C-alpha cells in the first residue's frame, strides 16, 4: 500500500476539518480563510490545495458521501433483497449517524438545508447523493411488495419515505433538543414501521 504524501495528508486534513465545521456553521458559509484558521494554515496555504471555495465544498460533499457509502454497501451485501435489505440499509444509516464525529451531526441534513434554495454544482451533488440513498430504499420497498413481503394496502413509496425520515428526526432531536436516546427511539420506530408493514402469515389464506 502506497504511503500518503505530505500534500495528500494535508489535503485530507483540510477536508476533514471543513466537513466538521460545515455541520456547525453551514457549508454555504465555508471559506478558505475560515478553514485556514481551523487547520493552522494561511489562506494561500489552503488555496494551494483548493483553488476556490466551490472546489473545497465539492470535496467536502464527496468525503461525506464516501464515509457513509462503505457501511451502506456492506449492509446491502449482507442482507437478502427486499424487506431484510430495507431494514439493513436504514439500520446502517442510523448506526453511521449515531457514531458520526462531526460537531453538528449529520452532514447531509445540514448541507441539504443550506443549499435547498441555492442552484449550482454543490446543490446538485448534495441532491445526487441524497437521492441515491432514497432511491435505494424505494427500490427495496417496491421489491418487498413484489415478493409479497408487505401486507395488502401498504404503499411501498410511503414506507420508504417514512423510513428515510427516521434519521433526520433522530439527528434533529440529538443535536437541537439534546435527546441522547434519539437514535434508540428511531430504531424502535423502524421496528414498528416494518412490523406494521410486513405481510401476516394468515393473509394468504384470508378470504
C-alpha atoms as a PDB file:
ATOM      1  CA  UNK A   1       0.000   0.000   0.000  1.00  0.00           C
ATOM      2  CA  UNK A   2       1.436   3.377  -1.027  1.00  0.00           C
ATOM      3  CA  UNK A   3       2.214   5.888   1.683  1.00  0.00           C
ATOM      4  CA  UNK A   4       0.208   9.083   1.841  1.00  0.00           C
ATOM      5  CA  UNK A   5       2.274  12.053   0.686  1.00  0.00           C
ATOM      6  CA  UNK A   6       2.534  15.219   2.750  1.00  0.00           C
ATOM      7  CA  UNK A   7       0.334  17.048   0.256  1.00  0.00           C
ATOM      8  CA  UNK A   8      -2.290  14.303   0.291  1.00  0.00           C
ATOM      9  CA  UNK A   9      -2.300  14.223   4.070  1.00  0.00           C
ATOM     10  CA  UNK A  10      -2.664  17.992   4.303  1.00  0.00           C
ATOM     11  CA  UNK A  11      -5.493  17.967   1.772  1.00  0.00           C
ATOM     12  CA  UNK A  12      -7.292  15.238   3.729  1.00  0.00           C
ATOM     13  CA  UNK A  13      -6.878  17.193   6.974  1.00  0.00           C
ATOM     14  CA  UNK A  14      -8.373  20.283   5.337  1.00  0.00           C
ATOM     15  CA  UNK A  15     -11.356  18.338   4.028  1.00  0.00           C
ATOM     16  CA  UNK A  16     -11.961  16.632   7.380  1.00  0.00           C
ATOM     17  CA  UNK A  17     -11.859  19.944   9.241  1.00  0.00           C
ATOM     18  CA  UNK A  18     -14.066  21.614   6.638  1.00  0.00           C
ATOM     19  CA  UNK A  19     -16.636  18.805   6.815  1.00  0.00           C
ATOM     20  CA  UNK A  20     -16.827  19.074  10.589  1.00  0.00           C
ATOM     21  CA  UNK A  21     -17.017  22.878  10.534  1.00  0.00           C
ATOM     22  CA  UNK A  22     -19.703  22.912   7.851  1.00  0.00           C
ATOM     23  CA  UNK A  23     -22.091  20.906  10.047  1.00  0.00           C
ATOM     24  CA  UNK A  24     -21.946  23.732  12.580  1.00  0.00           C
ATOM     25  CA  UNK A  25     -21.589  26.897  10.506  1.00  0.00           C
ATOM     26  CA  UNK A  26     -23.020  25.667   7.213  1.00  0.00           C
ATOM     27  CA  UNK A  27     -21.389  24.507   4.010  1.00  0.00           C
ATOM     28  CA  UNK A  28     -22.512  27.684   2.242  1.00  0.00           C
ATOM     29  CA  UNK A  29     -20.608  29.798   4.770  1.00  0.00           C
ATOM     30  CA  UNK A  30     -17.414  27.798   4.407  1.00  0.00           C
ATOM     31  CA  UNK A  31     -14.491  29.895   3.151  1.00  0.00           C
ATOM     32  CA  UNK A  32     -10.810  29.305   2.528  1.00  0.00           C
ATOM     33  CA  UNK A  33      -9.846  31.863   5.150  1.00  0.00           C
ATOM     34  CA  UNK A  34     -12.192  30.363   7.762  1.00  0.00           C
ATOM     35  CA  UNK A  35     -10.892  26.842   7.252  1.00  0.00           C
ATOM     36  CA  UNK A  36      -7.319  28.127   7.250  1.00  0.00           C
ATOM     37  CA  UNK A  37      -7.820  29.218  10.836  1.00  0.00           C
ATOM     38  CA  UNK A  38      -9.186  25.785  11.737  1.00  0.00           C
ATOM     39  CA  UNK A  39      -6.184  23.867  10.428  1.00  0.00           C
ATOM     40  CA  UNK A  40      -3.448  26.358  11.274  1.00  0.00           C
ATOM     41  CA  UNK A  41      -2.641  27.451   7.738  1.00  0.00           C
ATOM     42  CA  UNK A  42      -2.763  30.717   5.856  1.00  0.00           C
ATOM     43  CA  UNK A  43      -5.443  31.300   3.236  1.00  0.00           C
ATOM     44  CA  UNK A  44      -2.830  30.883   0.458  1.00  0.00           C
ATOM     45  CA  UNK A  45      -1.820  27.628   2.118  1.00  0.00           C
ATOM     46  CA  UNK A  46      -5.357  26.289   1.790  1.00  0.00           C
ATOM     47  CA  UNK A  47      -5.663  27.742  -1.717  1.00  0.00           C
ATOM     48  CA  UNK A  48      -2.621  25.705  -2.737  1.00  0.00           C
ATOM     49  CA  UNK A  49      -4.839  22.620  -2.338  1.00  0.00           C
ATOM     50  CA  UNK A  50      -8.210  24.095  -3.366  1.00  0.00           C
ATOM     51  CA  UNK A  51      -8.349  26.803  -5.986  1.00  0.00           C
ATOM     52  CA  UNK A  52     -11.791  28.017  -4.933  1.00  0.00           C
ATOM     53  CA  UNK A  53     -14.421  27.850  -2.234  1.00  0.00           C
ATOM     54  CA  UNK A  54     -16.597  25.745  -4.512  1.00  0.00           C
ATOM     55  CA  UNK A  55     -13.801  23.244  -5.111  1.00  0.00           C
ATOM     56  CA  UNK A  56     -13.430  22.819  -1.355  1.00  0.00           C
ATOM     57  CA  UNK A  57     -17.207  22.463  -0.919  1.00  0.00           C
ATOM     58  CA  UNK A  58     -17.389  19.762  -3.599  1.00  0.00           C
ATOM     59  CA  UNK A  59     -14.514  17.875  -1.973  1.00  0.00           C
ATOM     60  CA  UNK A  60     -16.309  18.045   1.363  1.00  0.00           C
ATOM     61  CA  UNK A  61     -19.507  16.642  -0.148  1.00  0.00           C
ATOM     62  CA  UNK A  62     -17.544  13.813  -1.769  1.00  0.00           C
ATOM     63  CA  UNK A  63     -15.784  12.959   1.501  1.00  0.00           C
ATOM     64  CA  UNK A  64     -19.040  12.924   3.476  1.00  0.00           C
ATOM     65  CA  UNK A  65     -20.650  10.689   0.864  1.00  0.00           C
ATOM     66  CA  UNK A  66     -17.712   8.274   0.857  1.00  0.00           C
ATOM     67  CA  UNK A  67     -17.903   7.962   4.645  1.00  0.00           C
ATOM     68  CA  UNK A  68     -21.395   6.516   4.564  1.00  0.00           C
ATOM     69  CA  UNK A  69     -21.105   4.640   1.252  1.00  0.00           C
ATOM     70  CA  UNK A  70     -18.985   1.838   2.728  1.00  0.00           C
ATOM     71  CA  UNK A  71     -21.258   0.844   5.645  1.00  0.00           C
ATOM     72  CA  UNK A  72     -24.295   1.021   3.361  1.00  0.00           C
ATOM     73  CA  UNK A  73     -22.602  -1.182   0.772  1.00  0.00           C
ATOM     74  CA  UNK A  74     -21.683  -3.713   3.465  1.00  0.00           C
ATOM     75  CA  UNK A  75     -25.252  -3.747   4.788  1.00  0.00           C
ATOM     76  CA  UNK A  76     -26.646  -4.202   1.291  1.00  0.00           C
ATOM     77  CA  UNK A  77     -24.307  -7.098   0.539  1.00  0.00           C
ATOM     78  CA  UNK A  78     -25.088  -8.891   3.816  1.00  0.00           C
ATOM     79  CA  UNK A  79     -28.893  -8.835   3.574  1.00  0.00           C
ATOM     80  CA  UNK A  80     -31.334 -10.581   1.262  1.00  0.00           C
ATOM     81  CA  UNK A  81     -33.121  -8.299  -1.221  1.00  0.00           C
ATOM     82  CA  UNK A  82     -36.479  -6.935  -0.129  1.00  0.00           C
ATOM     83  CA  UNK A  83     -37.610  -6.235   3.408  1.00  0.00           C
ATOM     84  CA  UNK A  84     -34.423  -7.570   5.042  1.00  0.00           C
ATOM     85  CA  UNK A  85     -32.224  -5.345   2.913  1.00  0.00           C
ATOM     86  CA  UNK A  86     -34.507  -2.377   3.508  1.00  0.00           C
ATOM     87  CA  UNK A  87     -34.075  -2.826   7.260  1.00  0.00           C
ATOM     88  CA  UNK A  88     -30.320  -3.315   6.920  1.00  0.00           C
ATOM     89  CA  UNK A  89     -29.875  -0.095   4.941  1.00  0.00           C
ATOM     90  CA  UNK A  90     -31.786   2.010   7.468  1.00  0.00           C
ATOM     91  CA  UNK A  91     -30.005   0.384  10.416  1.00  0.00           C
ATOM     92  CA  UNK A  92     -26.607   1.029   8.811  1.00  0.00           C
ATOM     93  CA  UNK A  93     -27.517   4.659   8.174  1.00  0.00           C
ATOM     94  CA  UNK A  94     -28.680   5.145  11.769  1.00  0.00           C
ATOM     95  CA  UNK A  95     -25.524   3.466  13.099  1.00  0.00           C
ATOM     96  CA  UNK A  96     -23.370   5.716  10.914  1.00  0.00           C
ATOM     97  CA  UNK A  97     -25.099   8.906  12.023  1.00  0.00           C
ATOM     98  CA  UNK A  98     -25.127   7.981  15.695  1.00  0.00           C
ATOM     99  CA  UNK A  99     -21.351   7.426  15.639  1.00  0.00           C
ATOM    100  CA  UNK A 100     -20.557  10.378  13.391  1.00  0.00           C
ATOM    101  CA  UNK A 101     -17.816  12.629  14.839  1.00  0.00           C
ATOM    102  CA  UNK A 102     -18.987  15.925  13.328  1.00  0.00           C
ATOM    103  CA  UNK A 103     -19.886  18.635  15.836  1.00  0.00           C
ATOM    104  CA  UNK A 104     -23.181  19.389  14.108  1.00  0.00           C
ATOM    105  CA  UNK A 105     -24.277  15.821  13.447  1.00  0.00           C
ATOM    106  CA  UNK A 106     -25.468  14.697  10.027  1.00  0.00           C
ATOM    107  CA  UNK A 107     -23.580  16.471   7.239  1.00  0.00           C
ATOM    108  CA  UNK A 108     -26.281  15.944   4.621  1.00  0.00           C
ATOM    109  CA  UNK A 109     -29.042  17.231   6.886  1.00  0.00           C
ATOM    110  CA  UNK A 110     -27.114  20.467   7.395  1.00  0.00           C
ATOM    111  CA  UNK A 111     -25.932  20.761   3.785  1.00  0.00           C
ATOM    112  CA  UNK A 112     -29.331  19.938   2.321  1.00  0.00           C
ATOM    113  CA  UNK A 113     -30.935  22.654   4.394  1.00  0.00           C
ATOM    114  CA  UNK A 114     -28.281  25.203   3.453  1.00  0.00           C
ATOM    115  CA  UNK A 115     -28.339  24.501  -0.294  1.00  0.00           C
ATOM    116  CA  UNK A 116     -32.030  23.756  -0.810  1.00  0.00           C
ATOM    117  CA  UNK A 117     -32.536  27.132  -2.486  1.00  0.00           C
ATOM    118  CA  UNK A 118     -29.061  27.600  -3.967  1.00  0.00           C
ATOM    119  CA  UNK A 119     -28.860  26.287  -7.556  1.00  0.00           C
ATOM    120  CA  UNK A 120     -25.453  25.164  -8.733  1.00  0.00           C
ATOM    121  CA  UNK A 121     -22.937  22.303  -8.745  1.00  0.00           C
ATOM    122  CA  UNK A 122     -22.748  21.938  -4.948  1.00  0.00           C
ATOM    123  CA  UNK A 123     -26.519  21.666  -4.571  1.00  0.00           C
ATOM    124  CA  UNK A 124     -26.652  19.198  -7.457  1.00  0.00           C
ATOM    125  CA  UNK A 125     -24.008  16.987  -5.858  1.00  0.00           C
ATOM    126  CA  UNK A 126     -25.744  17.013  -2.456  1.00  0.00           C
ATOM    127  CA  UNK A 127     -29.052  16.153  -4.132  1.00  0.00           C
ATOM    128  CA  UNK A 128     -27.405  13.355  -6.122  1.00  0.00           C
ATOM    129  CA  UNK A 129     -26.134  11.564  -3.023  1.00  0.00           C
ATOM    130  CA  UNK A 130     -29.352  12.114  -1.070  1.00  0.00           C
ATOM    131  CA  UNK A 131     -31.453  10.870  -3.985  1.00  0.00           C
ATOM    132  CA  UNK A 132     -29.279   7.783  -4.398  1.00  0.00           C
ATOM    133  CA  UNK A 133     -29.934   6.665  -0.822  1.00  0.00           C
ATOM    134  CA  UNK A 134     -33.646   7.431  -1.032  1.00  0.00           C
ATOM    135  CA  UNK A 135     -33.958   5.567  -4.332  1.00  0.00           C
ATOM    136  CA  UNK A 136     -32.200   2.591  -2.737  1.00  0.00           C
ATOM    137  CA  UNK A 137     -34.860   2.469  -0.035  1.00  0.00           C
ATOM    138  CA  UNK A 138     -37.651   2.830  -2.606  1.00  0.00           C
ATOM    139  CA  UNK A 139     -36.189   0.039  -4.713  1.00  0.00           C
ATOM    140  CA  UNK A 140     -36.078  -2.408  -1.805  1.00  0.00           C
ATOM    141  CA  UNK A 141     -39.562  -1.424  -0.592  1.00  0.00           C
ATOM    142  CA  UNK A 142     -41.031  -1.998  -4.073  1.00  0.00           C
ATOM    143  CA  UNK A 143     -39.174  -5.283  -4.339  1.00  0.00           C
ATOM    144  CA  UNK A 144     -40.574  -6.354  -0.964  1.00  0.00           C
ATOM    145  CA  UNK A 145     -44.036  -5.527  -2.324  1.00  0.00           C
ATOM    146  CA  UNK A 146     -43.457  -7.669  -5.430  1.00  0.00           C
ATOM    147  CA  UNK A 147     -42.136 -10.517  -3.270  1.00  0.00           C
ATOM    148  CA  UNK A 148     -45.297 -10.449  -1.165  1.00  0.00           C
ATOM    149  CA  UNK A 149     -43.437  -9.334   1.946  1.00  0.00           C
ATOM    150  CA  UNK A 150     -45.694  -6.331   2.509  1.00  0.00           C
ATOM    151  CA  UNK A 151     -49.274  -6.652   3.660  1.00  0.00           C
ATOM    152  CA  UNK A 152     -52.110  -5.624   1.414  1.00  0.00           C
ATOM    153  CA  UNK A 153     -52.658  -1.863   1.280  1.00  0.00           C
ATOM    154  CA  UNK A 154     -49.121  -0.832   2.225  1.00  0.00           C
ATOM    155  CA  UNK A 155     -47.727   1.787  -0.159  1.00  0.00           C
ATOM    156  CA  UNK A 156     -44.063   0.920  -0.774  1.00  0.00           C
ATOM    157  CA  UNK A 157     -43.119   4.509  -1.636  1.00  0.00           C
ATOM    158  CA  UNK A 158     -44.758   5.849   1.527  1.00  0.00           C
ATOM    159  CA  UNK A 159     -42.923   3.226   3.561  1.00  0.00           C
ATOM    160  CA  UNK A 160     -39.575   4.276   2.050  1.00  0.00           C
ATOM    161  CA  UNK A 161     -40.454   7.931   2.659  1.00  0.00           C
ATOM    162  CA  UNK A 162     -41.209   7.225   6.320  1.00  0.00           C
ATOM    163  CA  UNK A 163     -38.035   5.203   6.836  1.00  0.00           C
ATOM    164  CA  UNK A 164     -35.900   7.886   5.208  1.00  0.00           C
ATOM    165  CA  UNK A 165     -37.259  10.423   7.682  1.00  0.00           C
ATOM    166  CA  UNK A 166     -36.147   8.479  10.759  1.00  0.00           C
ATOM    167  CA  UNK A 167     -32.507   9.522  10.503  1.00  0.00           C
ATOM    168  CA  UNK A 168     -33.326  13.197  10.045  1.00  0.00           C
ATOM    169  CA  UNK A 169     -35.654  13.213  13.028  1.00  0.00           C
ATOM    170  CA  UNK A 170     -33.128  11.384  15.217  1.00  0.00           C
ATOM    171  CA  UNK A 171     -30.385  13.802  14.204  1.00  0.00           C
ATOM    172  CA  UNK A 172     -32.607  16.808  14.912  1.00  0.00           C
ATOM    173  CA  UNK A 173     -33.583  15.547  18.347  1.00  0.00           C
ATOM    174  CA  UNK A 174     -29.999  14.757  19.319  1.00  0.00           C
ATOM    175  CA  UNK A 175     -28.434  17.961  18.009  1.00  0.00           C
ATOM    176  CA  UNK A 176     -31.169  20.515  18.709  1.00  0.00           C
ATOM    177  CA  UNK A 177     -33.103  19.006  21.605  1.00  0.00           C
ATOM    178  CA  UNK A 178     -30.176  17.245  23.308  1.00  0.00           C
ATOM    179  CA  UNK A 179     -32.039  13.938  23.476  1.00  0.00           C
ATOM    180  CA  UNK A 180     -29.406  11.198  23.920  1.00  0.00           C
ATOM    181  CA  UNK A 181     -31.992   8.482  23.316  1.00  0.00           C
ATOM    182  CA  UNK A 182     -32.978   9.857  19.904  1.00  0.00           C
ATOM    183  CA  UNK A 183     -31.381   7.073  17.868  1.00  0.00           C
ATOM    184  CA  UNK A 184     -32.723   4.352  20.152  1.00  0.00           C
ATOM    185  CA  UNK A 185     -36.171   5.822  19.542  1.00  0.00           C
ATOM    186  CA  UNK A 186     -35.518   5.841  15.791  1.00  0.00           C
ATOM    187  CA  UNK A 187     -34.676   2.131  15.914  1.00  0.00           C
ATOM    188  CA  UNK A 188     -37.887   1.412  17.815  1.00  0.00           C
ATOM    189  CA  UNK A 189     -39.775   3.367  15.167  1.00  0.00           C
ATOM    190  CA  UNK A 190     -38.018   1.333  12.467  1.00  0.00           C
ATOM    191  CA  UNK A 191     -39.107  -1.908  14.146  1.00  0.00           C
ATOM    192  CA  UNK A 192     -42.693  -0.713  14.410  1.00  0.00           C
ATOM    193  CA  UNK A 193     -42.907   0.588  10.847  1.00  0.00           C
ATOM    194  CA  UNK A 194     -41.590  -2.658   9.392  1.00  0.00           C
ATOM    195  CA  UNK A 195     -43.673  -4.821  11.723  1.00  0.00           C
ATOM    196  CA  UNK A 196     -46.836  -2.947  10.732  1.00  0.00           C
ATOM    197  CA  UNK A 197     -45.925  -3.129   7.036  1.00  0.00           C
ATOM    198  CA  UNK A 198     -44.959  -6.808   6.886  1.00  0.00           C
ATOM    199  CA  UNK A 199     -47.364  -9.362   5.448  1.00  0.00           C
ATOM    200  CA  UNK A 200     -49.009 -11.527   8.088  1.00  0.00           C
ATOM    201  CA  UNK A 201     -48.771 -15.332   7.798  1.00  0.00           C
ATOM    202  CA  UNK A 202     -52.547 -15.678   7.582  1.00  0.00           C
ATOM    203  CA  UNK A 203     -53.055 -13.112   4.834  1.00  0.00           C
ATOM    204  CA  UNK A 204     -52.525 -15.583   2.021  1.00  0.00           C
ATOM    205  CA  UNK A 205     -55.336 -17.801   3.252  1.00  0.00           C
ATOM    206  CA  UNK A 206     -57.726 -14.994   4.223  1.00  0.00           C
ATOM    207  CA  UNK A 207     -60.934 -14.783   2.148  1.00  0.00           C
END
